[in-house]
N, C-alpha and C. Protein backbone atom coordinates (compact mmCIF):
# COMPACT_ATOMS: atom_id res chain seq x y z
N MET A 1 -82.76 92.18 36.72
CA MET A 1 -83.30 90.79 36.66
C MET A 1 -82.28 89.78 36.90
N GLY A 2 -82.40 88.70 37.42
CA GLY A 2 -81.48 87.73 37.67
C GLY A 2 -82.00 86.36 38.05
N LEU A 3 -81.28 85.47 38.39
CA LEU A 3 -81.64 84.01 38.73
C LEU A 3 -82.02 84.10 40.27
N ASP A 4 -83.14 83.47 40.49
CA ASP A 4 -83.49 83.23 41.93
C ASP A 4 -83.96 81.80 42.00
N THR A 5 -83.49 81.17 42.99
CA THR A 5 -83.91 79.90 43.43
C THR A 5 -84.55 79.75 44.71
N SER A 6 -85.27 78.66 44.79
CA SER A 6 -85.84 78.48 46.30
C SER A 6 -84.71 77.96 47.09
N HIS A 7 -85.05 77.87 48.25
CA HIS A 7 -84.11 77.31 49.24
C HIS A 7 -82.86 78.29 49.48
N ASN A 8 -82.93 79.49 49.03
CA ASN A 8 -81.69 80.21 49.11
C ASN A 8 -80.36 79.69 48.47
N ALA A 9 -80.67 78.80 47.66
CA ALA A 9 -79.47 78.17 46.79
C ALA A 9 -78.61 79.29 46.02
N TRP A 10 -79.45 80.19 45.45
CA TRP A 10 -78.79 81.12 44.55
C TRP A 10 -79.75 82.38 44.20
N HIS A 11 -79.30 83.60 44.64
CA HIS A 11 -79.95 84.83 44.16
C HIS A 11 -78.87 85.77 43.61
N GLY A 12 -78.90 86.00 42.34
CA GLY A 12 -78.09 87.00 41.69
C GLY A 12 -78.14 87.06 40.29
N PRO A 13 -77.35 87.88 39.46
CA PRO A 13 -77.37 87.83 38.06
C PRO A 13 -77.12 86.60 37.43
N TYR A 14 -77.78 86.51 36.32
CA TYR A 14 -77.44 85.22 35.32
C TYR A 14 -75.97 85.33 35.06
N SER A 15 -75.37 86.28 34.74
CA SER A 15 -73.89 86.44 34.34
C SER A 15 -73.05 85.92 35.63
N SER A 16 -73.56 86.17 36.86
CA SER A 16 -72.67 85.66 38.00
C SER A 16 -72.95 84.12 38.07
N PHE A 17 -74.05 83.56 37.77
CA PHE A 17 -74.34 82.16 37.90
C PHE A 17 -73.51 81.56 36.80
N ASN A 18 -73.43 82.07 35.62
CA ASN A 18 -72.60 81.39 34.51
C ASN A 18 -71.21 81.55 34.84
N THR A 19 -70.75 82.53 35.38
CA THR A 19 -69.33 82.62 35.88
C THR A 19 -69.11 81.63 36.98
N PHE A 20 -69.92 81.45 37.82
CA PHE A 20 -69.99 80.45 38.94
C PHE A 20 -69.92 79.04 38.44
N ARG A 21 -70.68 78.74 37.41
CA ARG A 21 -70.56 77.36 36.80
C ARG A 21 -69.22 77.25 35.97
N ARG A 22 -68.74 78.15 35.25
CA ARG A 22 -67.54 78.15 34.53
C ARG A 22 -66.42 77.91 35.50
N ASN A 23 -66.19 78.47 36.67
CA ASN A 23 -65.22 78.34 37.75
C ASN A 23 -65.28 77.05 38.26
N LEU A 24 -66.63 76.44 38.57
CA LEU A 24 -66.71 75.12 39.13
C LEU A 24 -66.24 74.15 38.27
N MET A 25 -66.57 74.19 36.88
CA MET A 25 -66.09 73.25 35.90
C MET A 25 -64.59 73.25 35.66
N LEU A 26 -63.87 74.43 35.92
CA LEU A 26 -62.36 74.45 35.98
C LEU A 26 -61.85 73.87 37.02
N ALA A 27 -62.41 74.15 38.21
CA ALA A 27 -61.99 73.36 39.53
C ALA A 27 -62.43 71.82 39.41
N TYR A 28 -63.34 71.47 38.79
CA TYR A 28 -63.82 69.98 38.76
C TYR A 28 -62.96 69.25 37.85
N ASN A 29 -62.54 69.63 36.71
CA ASN A 29 -61.81 68.79 35.76
C ASN A 29 -60.78 69.59 34.97
N GLY A 30 -60.69 70.87 35.15
CA GLY A 30 -59.68 71.78 34.36
C GLY A 30 -60.12 72.19 33.10
N ASN A 31 -61.37 71.85 32.75
CA ASN A 31 -61.91 72.10 31.40
C ASN A 31 -62.66 73.53 31.34
N ASN A 32 -62.81 74.03 30.18
CA ASN A 32 -63.50 75.38 30.07
C ASN A 32 -64.88 74.87 29.62
N LEU A 33 -65.75 75.47 30.36
CA LEU A 33 -67.25 75.10 30.18
C LEU A 33 -67.55 75.48 28.82
N ASN A 34 -67.16 76.53 28.20
CA ASN A 34 -67.34 76.89 26.96
C ASN A 34 -67.00 75.91 25.66
N ASP A 35 -66.21 74.87 26.23
CA ASP A 35 -65.90 73.67 25.24
C ASP A 35 -67.05 72.74 25.20
N TYR A 36 -68.01 72.89 26.02
CA TYR A 36 -69.14 71.82 26.00
C TYR A 36 -70.37 72.18 25.41
N ASN A 37 -71.00 71.18 24.84
CA ASN A 37 -72.42 71.36 24.22
C ASN A 37 -73.13 72.21 25.08
N GLY A 38 -73.95 72.99 24.43
CA GLY A 38 -74.73 74.06 25.22
C GLY A 38 -74.13 75.27 25.72
N TYR A 39 -72.85 75.32 25.61
CA TYR A 39 -72.21 76.49 26.02
C TYR A 39 -71.22 76.90 24.78
N GLY A 40 -71.47 76.39 23.51
CA GLY A 40 -70.58 76.73 22.55
C GLY A 40 -69.67 75.84 22.00
N GLY A 41 -69.35 74.77 22.68
CA GLY A 41 -68.35 73.80 22.24
C GLY A 41 -68.87 72.48 21.66
N ASN A 42 -68.04 71.47 21.53
CA ASN A 42 -68.36 70.21 21.02
C ASN A 42 -68.34 69.08 21.99
N ILE A 43 -67.79 69.27 23.23
CA ILE A 43 -67.68 68.22 24.12
C ILE A 43 -69.16 68.00 24.72
N PRO A 44 -69.50 66.68 24.57
CA PRO A 44 -70.95 66.27 25.12
C PRO A 44 -70.91 66.44 26.80
N LEU A 45 -71.86 67.19 27.31
CA LEU A 45 -71.97 67.28 28.62
C LEU A 45 -72.10 65.78 29.39
N GLU A 46 -72.66 64.86 28.57
CA GLU A 46 -72.77 63.45 29.15
C GLU A 46 -71.40 62.88 29.40
N THR A 47 -70.30 63.45 28.97
CA THR A 47 -68.98 62.98 29.52
C THR A 47 -68.93 63.22 30.99
N ILE A 48 -69.65 64.16 31.53
CA ILE A 48 -69.63 64.31 33.02
C ILE A 48 -70.25 63.21 33.74
N GLU A 49 -69.39 62.29 34.31
CA GLU A 49 -69.95 60.91 34.81
C GLU A 49 -70.57 61.21 36.11
N HIS A 50 -70.37 62.13 36.92
CA HIS A 50 -71.09 62.40 38.32
C HIS A 50 -72.57 62.98 37.87
N LYS A 51 -73.51 62.09 38.22
CA LYS A 51 -74.89 62.51 37.81
C LYS A 51 -75.38 63.84 38.47
N GLY A 52 -74.90 64.11 39.64
CA GLY A 52 -75.24 65.45 40.16
C GLY A 52 -74.53 66.53 39.47
N LEU A 53 -73.39 66.43 39.18
CA LEU A 53 -72.62 67.43 38.48
C LEU A 53 -73.18 67.62 37.10
N PHE A 54 -73.52 66.53 36.33
CA PHE A 54 -74.23 66.55 35.07
C PHE A 54 -75.47 67.40 35.15
N GLU A 55 -76.33 67.18 36.07
CA GLU A 55 -77.49 67.89 36.27
C GLU A 55 -77.16 69.48 36.46
N PHE A 56 -76.23 69.71 37.35
CA PHE A 56 -75.98 71.15 37.71
C PHE A 56 -75.47 71.81 36.42
N PHE A 57 -74.56 71.19 35.64
CA PHE A 57 -73.93 71.90 34.49
C PHE A 57 -74.96 71.95 33.28
N ASN A 58 -75.89 70.83 33.30
CA ASN A 58 -76.86 70.73 32.19
C ASN A 58 -78.12 71.58 32.41
N HIS A 59 -78.43 71.83 33.55
CA HIS A 59 -79.69 72.53 33.97
C HIS A 59 -79.76 73.88 33.52
N SER A 60 -80.86 74.35 33.12
CA SER A 60 -81.28 75.70 32.49
C SER A 60 -80.78 76.80 33.68
N ASP A 61 -80.27 77.84 33.14
CA ASP A 61 -79.92 78.92 34.24
C ASP A 61 -80.96 79.90 34.40
N CYS A 62 -82.31 79.50 33.93
CA CYS A 62 -83.32 80.55 34.11
C CYS A 62 -84.68 79.97 34.60
N ASP A 63 -84.77 78.59 34.48
CA ASP A 63 -86.16 78.12 34.99
C ASP A 63 -86.05 76.68 35.07
N GLY A 64 -87.19 75.96 35.48
CA GLY A 64 -87.14 74.79 35.90
C GLY A 64 -86.88 74.37 37.22
N ASP A 65 -86.65 73.01 37.57
CA ASP A 65 -86.46 72.56 38.93
C ASP A 65 -85.48 71.41 39.09
N ILE A 66 -85.06 71.19 40.19
CA ILE A 66 -84.25 69.94 40.49
C ILE A 66 -85.03 69.20 41.61
N THR A 67 -85.12 67.90 41.44
CA THR A 67 -85.94 67.01 42.34
C THR A 67 -85.30 66.92 43.66
N PRO A 68 -85.91 66.65 44.70
CA PRO A 68 -85.20 66.44 45.93
C PRO A 68 -84.11 65.44 45.96
N GLU A 69 -84.39 64.43 45.31
CA GLU A 69 -83.44 63.12 45.25
C GLU A 69 -82.11 63.76 44.51
N MET A 70 -82.38 64.59 43.33
CA MET A 70 -81.21 64.93 42.55
C MET A 70 -80.49 66.07 43.20
N CYS A 71 -81.29 66.84 44.02
CA CYS A 71 -80.66 67.94 44.94
C CYS A 71 -79.52 67.26 45.82
N LYS A 72 -79.76 66.12 46.29
CA LYS A 72 -78.66 65.40 47.04
C LYS A 72 -77.48 65.10 46.28
N HIS A 73 -77.76 64.67 45.09
CA HIS A 73 -76.52 64.21 44.12
C HIS A 73 -75.81 65.54 43.76
N VAL A 74 -76.47 66.58 43.49
CA VAL A 74 -75.87 67.85 43.18
C VAL A 74 -74.95 68.48 44.36
N ALA A 75 -75.72 68.29 45.52
CA ALA A 75 -74.87 68.74 46.83
C ALA A 75 -73.53 67.93 46.81
N ASP A 76 -73.78 66.60 46.65
CA ASP A 76 -72.44 65.73 46.78
C ASP A 76 -71.57 66.04 45.84
N GLY A 77 -71.82 66.23 44.53
CA GLY A 77 -70.94 66.65 43.62
C GLY A 77 -70.17 67.99 43.80
N LEU A 78 -71.02 68.97 44.04
CA LEU A 78 -70.44 70.34 44.53
C LEU A 78 -69.53 70.17 45.86
N SER A 79 -69.87 69.28 46.63
CA SER A 79 -69.08 69.02 47.89
C SER A 79 -67.59 68.49 47.48
N GLU A 80 -67.54 67.72 46.38
CA GLU A 80 -66.45 67.18 45.96
C GLU A 80 -65.47 68.18 45.42
N ILE A 81 -66.11 69.14 44.79
CA ILE A 81 -65.25 70.32 44.18
C ILE A 81 -64.78 71.26 45.17
N LEU A 82 -65.60 71.60 46.21
CA LEU A 82 -65.27 72.53 47.23
C LEU A 82 -64.00 72.51 47.72
N PRO A 83 -63.30 71.55 48.01
CA PRO A 83 -61.78 71.59 48.63
C PRO A 83 -60.91 72.06 47.36
N LYS A 84 -61.14 72.07 46.21
CA LYS A 84 -60.40 72.52 44.99
C LYS A 84 -60.37 74.06 44.80
N LEU A 85 -61.49 74.59 45.65
CA LEU A 85 -61.60 76.11 45.29
C LEU A 85 -60.69 76.88 46.22
N THR A 86 -60.17 78.02 45.71
CA THR A 86 -59.39 78.98 46.60
C THR A 86 -59.92 80.30 46.76
N ASP A 87 -60.88 80.65 45.83
CA ASP A 87 -61.41 81.98 45.85
C ASP A 87 -62.54 82.10 47.00
N LEU A 88 -62.58 82.95 47.85
CA LEU A 88 -63.58 82.89 48.93
C LEU A 88 -64.88 83.15 48.42
N TYR A 89 -65.12 84.09 47.39
CA TYR A 89 -66.44 84.17 46.93
C TYR A 89 -66.98 82.86 46.43
N MET A 90 -66.24 82.10 45.56
CA MET A 90 -66.50 80.84 45.05
C MET A 90 -66.81 79.85 46.09
N ILE A 91 -66.11 79.73 47.00
CA ILE A 91 -66.19 78.96 48.32
C ILE A 91 -67.62 79.29 48.94
N ASP A 92 -67.81 80.54 49.14
CA ASP A 92 -68.94 80.88 49.83
C ASP A 92 -70.25 80.56 49.01
N ARG A 93 -70.17 80.90 47.69
CA ARG A 93 -71.39 80.69 46.92
C ARG A 93 -71.67 79.27 46.63
N THR A 94 -70.57 78.26 46.48
CA THR A 94 -70.71 76.83 46.63
C THR A 94 -71.36 76.51 47.84
N LYS A 95 -70.85 76.81 48.91
CA LYS A 95 -71.45 76.37 50.04
C LYS A 95 -72.85 76.72 50.25
N GLY A 96 -73.30 77.95 49.71
CA GLY A 96 -74.70 78.46 49.73
C GLY A 96 -75.49 77.49 48.78
N PHE A 97 -74.99 77.15 47.66
CA PHE A 97 -75.74 76.15 46.78
C PHE A 97 -75.92 75.03 47.19
N ILE A 98 -74.78 74.34 47.85
CA ILE A 98 -74.85 73.15 48.62
C ILE A 98 -76.03 73.16 49.70
N SER A 99 -76.09 74.10 50.41
CA SER A 99 -76.84 74.37 51.62
C SER A 99 -78.34 74.32 51.14
N GLY A 100 -78.58 75.02 49.97
CA GLY A 100 -79.94 75.14 49.31
C GLY A 100 -80.41 73.85 48.94
N CYS A 101 -79.44 73.15 48.23
CA CYS A 101 -79.74 71.84 47.82
C CYS A 101 -80.25 70.88 48.86
N LEU A 102 -79.31 70.87 49.93
CA LEU A 102 -79.53 70.00 51.12
C LEU A 102 -80.97 70.29 51.83
N ASP A 103 -81.28 71.61 51.86
CA ASP A 103 -82.51 71.94 52.49
C ASP A 103 -83.66 71.52 51.81
N ALA A 104 -83.56 71.64 50.29
CA ALA A 104 -84.71 71.15 49.62
C ALA A 104 -84.67 69.61 49.68
N HIS A 105 -83.59 68.80 49.78
CA HIS A 105 -83.65 67.53 49.83
C HIS A 105 -84.18 67.20 51.12
N SER A 106 -83.87 67.58 52.22
CA SER A 106 -84.25 67.29 53.60
C SER A 106 -85.74 67.47 53.76
N LYS A 107 -86.25 68.45 53.04
CA LYS A 107 -87.69 68.63 53.29
C LYS A 107 -88.64 68.08 51.95
N GLY A 108 -87.82 67.34 51.25
CA GLY A 108 -88.59 66.56 50.11
C GLY A 108 -89.19 67.46 49.17
N GLU A 109 -88.60 68.64 49.04
CA GLU A 109 -89.07 69.64 47.96
C GLU A 109 -88.08 69.94 46.86
N ILE A 110 -88.71 70.50 45.78
CA ILE A 110 -87.93 70.73 44.55
C ILE A 110 -87.13 72.00 44.67
N LEU A 111 -86.10 72.24 44.13
CA LEU A 111 -85.32 73.42 44.10
C LEU A 111 -85.75 74.03 42.83
N GLU A 112 -86.33 75.29 42.87
CA GLU A 112 -87.04 75.97 41.92
C GLU A 112 -86.03 76.96 41.26
N PHE A 113 -86.06 77.05 39.85
CA PHE A 113 -85.23 78.15 39.37
C PHE A 113 -86.19 78.95 38.61
N SER A 114 -86.06 80.32 38.91
CA SER A 114 -86.95 81.34 38.38
C SER A 114 -86.11 82.60 37.96
């Protein structure tokens, strides 16, 4: 069992998605995601000023959805992180998530997590 999203943004184990987000946080600002509220730490996620990245890191890893408008913001935020990545797996998974978000946005559909 794992996380599946619509628009082929993500399909895989929850543990892989959490590793994905941890690696993206490190690339984004050098911080450990475990230091943030909701992940065991005390840093408020609200300190993430980019609204798309806040949505991405704050979103449930097992259910819910992201609006088409917010999908564009998430894609923009992840696109800013993409050049900082060096691991090919992370690059591919990030491009895939961006692509899924942009597909949902272009169709005016929500990105569903299940």
